[in-house]
C-alpha atoms as a PDB file:
ATOM      1  CA  MET A   1     -13.286  -4.473   0.978  1.00  0.00           C
ATOM      2  CA  LEU A   2     -11.304  -1.761  -0.814  1.00  0.00           C
ATOM      3  CA  ARG A   3     -10.673   0.099   2.432  1.00  0.00           C
ATOM      4  CA  ASN A   4      -9.240  -3.003   4.080  1.00  0.00           C
ATOM      5  CA  LEU A   5      -7.097  -3.832   1.054  1.00  0.00           C
ATOM      6  CA  ALA A   6      -5.803  -0.244   0.958  1.00  0.00           C
ATOM      7  CA  ARG A   7      -5.031  -0.375   4.660  1.00  0.00           C
ATOM      8  CA  ALA A   8      -2.968  -3.543   4.153  1.00  0.00           C
ATOM      9  CA  LEU A   9      -1.226  -1.990   1.139  1.00  0.00           C
ATOM     10  CA  PHE A  10      -0.229   1.121   3.086  1.00  0.00           C
ATOM     11  CA  THR A  11       0.857  -0.944   6.094  1.00  0.00           C
ATOM     12  CA  TYR A  12       3.039  -3.492   4.281  1.00  0.00           C
ATOM     13  CA  TYR A  13       3.746  -1.500   1.068  1.00  0.00           C
ATOM     14  CA  GLY A  14       2.736  -4.570  -0.948  1.00  0.00           C
ATOM     15  CA  ILE A  15       0.173  -7.386  -0.758  1.00  0.00           C
ATOM     16  CA  ILE A  16      -0.673 -10.571  -2.630  1.00  0.00           C
ATOM     17  CA  THR A  17      -4.266 -10.771  -3.807  1.00  0.00           C
ATOM     18  CA  THR A  18      -6.306 -11.774  -6.840  1.00  0.00           C
ATOM     19  CA  LYS A  19      -6.046  -9.928 -10.132  1.00  0.00           C
ATOM     20  CA  ALA A  20      -9.616  -8.614  -9.968  1.00  0.00           C
ATOM     21  CA  LYS A  21      -9.166  -7.200  -6.462  1.00  0.00           C
ATOM     22  CA  ALA A  22      -5.841  -5.581  -7.400  1.00  0.00           C
ATOM     23  CA  LYS A  23      -7.380  -3.916 -10.452  1.00  0.00           C
ATOM     24  CA  ALA A  24     -10.185  -2.534  -8.286  1.00  0.00           C
ATOM     25  CA  LEU A  25      -7.770  -1.386  -5.564  1.00  0.00           C
ATOM     26  CA  ARG A  26      -5.357   0.471  -7.841  1.00  0.00           C
ATOM     27  CA  PRO A  27      -7.492   3.564  -8.673  1.00  0.00           C
ATOM     28  CA  PHE A  28      -8.812   3.785  -5.091  1.00  0.00           C
ATOM     29  CA  ALA A  29      -5.307   3.767  -3.556  1.00  0.00           C
ATOM     30  CA  GLU A  30      -3.866   6.147  -6.151  1.00  0.00           C
ATOM     31  CA  ARG A  31      -6.633   8.705  -5.540  1.00  0.00           C
ATOM     32  CA  LEU A  32      -5.922   8.572  -1.806  1.00  0.00           C
ATOM     33  CA  ILE A  33      -2.206   9.197  -2.405  1.00  0.00           C
ATOM     34  CA  THR A  34      -2.949  12.058  -4.796  1.00  0.00           C
ATOM     35  CA  ILE A  35      -5.167  13.738  -2.205  1.00  0.00           C
ATOM     36  CA  ALA A  36      -2.544  13.172   0.523  1.00  0.00           C
ATOM     37  CA  LYS A  37       0.162  14.916  -1.517  1.00  0.00           C
ATOM     38  CA  ASN A  38      -1.468  18.263  -0.643  1.00  0.00           C
ATOM     39  CA  PRO A  39      -1.903  18.001   3.157  1.00  0.00           C
ATOM     40  CA  THR A  40      -4.446  20.737   3.842  1.00  0.00           C
ATOM     41  CA  LEU A  41      -7.102  20.440   6.504  1.00  0.00           C
ATOM     42  CA  SER A  42      -9.848  19.942   3.941  1.00  0.00           C
ATOM     43  CA  ASN A  43      -7.862  17.177   2.212  1.00  0.00           C
ATOM     44  CA  ARG A  44      -7.239  15.462   5.546  1.00  0.00           C
ATOM     45  CA  ARG A  45     -10.985  15.528   6.234  1.00  0.00           C
ATOM     46  CA  LEU A  46     -11.691  14.237   2.722  1.00  0.00           C
ATOM     47  CA  LEU A  47      -9.264  11.354   3.309  1.00  0.00           C
ATOM     48  CA  LEU A  48     -10.899  10.520   6.628  1.00  0.00           C
ATOM     49  CA  ARG A  49     -14.302  10.481   4.948  1.00  0.00           C
ATOM     50  CA  ARG A  50     -13.156   8.067   2.234  1.00  0.00           C
ATOM     51  CA  PHE A  51     -10.692   6.086   4.354  1.00  0.00           C
ATOM     52  CA  PRO A  52     -11.750   6.182   8.046  1.00  0.00           C
ATOM     53  CA  PHE A  53      -8.523   4.952   9.681  1.00  0.00           C
ATOM     54  CA  LYS A  54      -6.859   7.855  11.507  1.00  0.00           C
ATOM     55  CA  ASP A  55      -3.527   6.092  11.949  1.00  0.00           C
ATOM     56  CA  MET A  56      -3.348   5.178   8.254  1.00  0.00           C
ATOM     57  CA  VAL A  57      -4.288   8.688   7.115  1.00  0.00           C
ATOM     58  CA  LYS A  58      -1.486  10.073   9.277  1.00  0.00           C
ATOM     59  CA  LYS A  59       0.976   7.559   7.822  1.00  0.00           C
ATOM     60  CA  LEU A  60      -0.272   8.296   4.316  1.00  0.00           C
ATOM     61  CA  ILE A  61       0.244  12.048   4.710  1.00  0.00           C
ATOM     62  CA  ASP A  62       3.497  11.935   6.712  1.00  0.00           C
ATOM     63  CA  GLU A  63       5.394   8.993   5.175  1.00  0.00           C
ATOM     64  CA  ILE A  64       3.938   7.753   1.902  1.00  0.00           C
ATOM     65  CA  ALA A  65       2.771  10.887   0.042  1.00  0.00           C
ATOM     66  CA  PRO A  66       6.070  12.813   0.420  1.00  0.00           C
ATOM     67  CA  GLN A  67       7.845   9.988  -1.423  1.00  0.00           C
ATOM     68  CA  PHE A  68       5.651  10.682  -4.457  1.00  0.00           C
ATOM     69  CA  LYS A  69       5.692  14.502  -4.422  1.00  0.00           C
ATOM     70  CA  ASP A  70       7.478  14.760  -7.810  1.00  0.00           C
ATOM     71  CA  ARG A  71       5.625  11.836  -9.388  1.00  0.00           C
ATOM     72  CA  PRO A  72       2.471  12.769 -11.350  1.00  0.00           C
ATOM     73  CA  GLY A  73       0.799   9.350 -11.025  1.00  0.00           C
ATOM     74  CA  GLY A  74       1.396   5.627 -11.233  1.00  0.00           C
ATOM     75  CA  TYR A  75       2.079   5.048  -7.552  1.00  0.00           C
ATOM     76  CA  THR A  76       1.249   1.335  -7.613  1.00  0.00           C
ATOM     77  CA  GLN A  77       2.530  -1.598  -9.618  1.00  0.00           C
ATOM     78  CA  ILE A  78       0.778  -4.903 -10.284  1.00  0.00           C
ATOM     79  CA  ILE A  79       3.065  -7.896 -10.751  1.00  0.00           C
ATOM     80  CA  ARG A  80       1.654 -11.204 -11.984  1.00  0.00           C
ATOM     81  CA  LEU A  81       2.897 -14.131  -9.924  1.00  0.00           C
ATOM     82  CA  GLY A  82       1.887 -16.904 -12.318  1.00  0.00           C
ATOM     83  CA  LYS A  83       0.172 -18.852  -9.571  1.00  0.00           C
ATOM     84  CA  ARG A  84      -3.467 -19.767  -9.261  1.00  0.00           C
ATOM     85  CA  ARG A  85      -5.427 -19.810  -6.040  1.00  0.00           C
ATOM     86  CA  ARG A  86      -6.611 -23.201  -4.964  1.00  0.00           C
ATOM     87  CA  GLY A  87     -10.357 -23.599  -4.980  1.00  0.00           C
ATOM     88  CA  ASP A  88     -11.523 -21.025  -7.501  1.00  0.00           C
ATOM     89  CA  ASP A  89      -8.406 -20.955  -9.730  1.00  0.00           C
ATOM     90  CA  ALA A  90      -8.130 -17.150  -9.522  1.00  0.00           C
ATOM     91  CA  GLU A  91      -4.893 -15.619 -10.770  1.00  0.00           C
ATOM     92  CA  LEU A  92      -2.702 -14.227  -7.980  1.00  0.00           C
ATOM     93  CA  VAL A  93      -0.823 -10.948  -8.304  1.00  0.00           C
ATOM     94  CA  MET A  94       1.231  -8.707  -6.056  1.00  0.00           C
ATOM     95  CA  ILE A  95       0.269  -5.051  -5.862  1.00  0.00           C
ATOM     96  CA  LYS A  96       2.897  -2.801  -4.321  1.00  0.00           C
ATOM     97  CA  LEU A  97       3.776   0.841  -3.924  1.00  0.00           C
ATOM     98  CA  VAL A  98       6.483   1.896  -6.360  1.00  0.00           C
ATOM     99  CA  GLY A  99       9.741   2.795  -4.614  1.00  0.00           C
ATOM    100  CA  PHE A 100       8.918   1.043  -1.350  1.00  0.00           C
ATOM    101  CA  GLU A 101      10.397  -2.322  -0.551  1.00  0.00           C
ATOM    102  CA  ARG A 102       8.786  -4.655   1.914  1.00  0.00           C
ATOM    103  CA  GLN A 103      10.474  -3.814   5.182  1.00  0.00           C
ATOM    104  CA  THR A 104      10.955  -6.786   7.438  1.00  0.00           C
ATOM    105  CA  PRO A 105      12.738  -6.579  10.783  1.00  0.00           C
ATOM    106  CA  LYS A 106      16.177  -8.109  10.702  1.00  0.00           C
ATOM    107  CA  LYS A 107      17.066 -10.706  13.267  1.00  0.00           C
ATOM    108  CA  GLU A 108      19.727  -9.356  15.580  1.00  0.00           C
ATOM    109  CA  VAL A 109      22.541 -11.723  16.443  1.00  0.00           C
ATOM    110  CA  LYS A 110      23.988 -11.366  19.911  1.00  0.00           C
ATOM    111  CA  GLU A 111      27.751 -11.362  20.271  1.00  0.00           C
ATOM    112  CA  GLU A 112      27.620 -14.410  22.545  1.00  0.00           C
ATOM    113  CA  GLU A 113      25.783 -16.463  19.912  1.00  0.00           C
ATOM    114  CA  ALA A 114      28.150 -15.388  17.125  1.00  0.00           C
ATOM    115  CA  VAL A 115      31.264 -16.608  18.961  1.00  0.00           C
END
């Protein structure tokens, strides 16, 4: 479960989940980022052992970890949404990577449609 949550977090830079899952995900994701900050061969193999998604390990080492090279820790942020999930009444939170905004593709407007 933690691997899949971490994969979604690194893909979208932020996800909405329950408070308990976010608290469990935080130390797992932060350890992965800390290991990725020093991109040696042994660290890459260690990441692949703990997090077996080659495309995500590459993205983690090439895109995400360099953003945190001067930061000693605290790469994630948990934001309470104040909502409750229907069914089990679990508190919903958003966990996101600090400094990354959710990047959504902008809709391009053609010149013909604008006129």
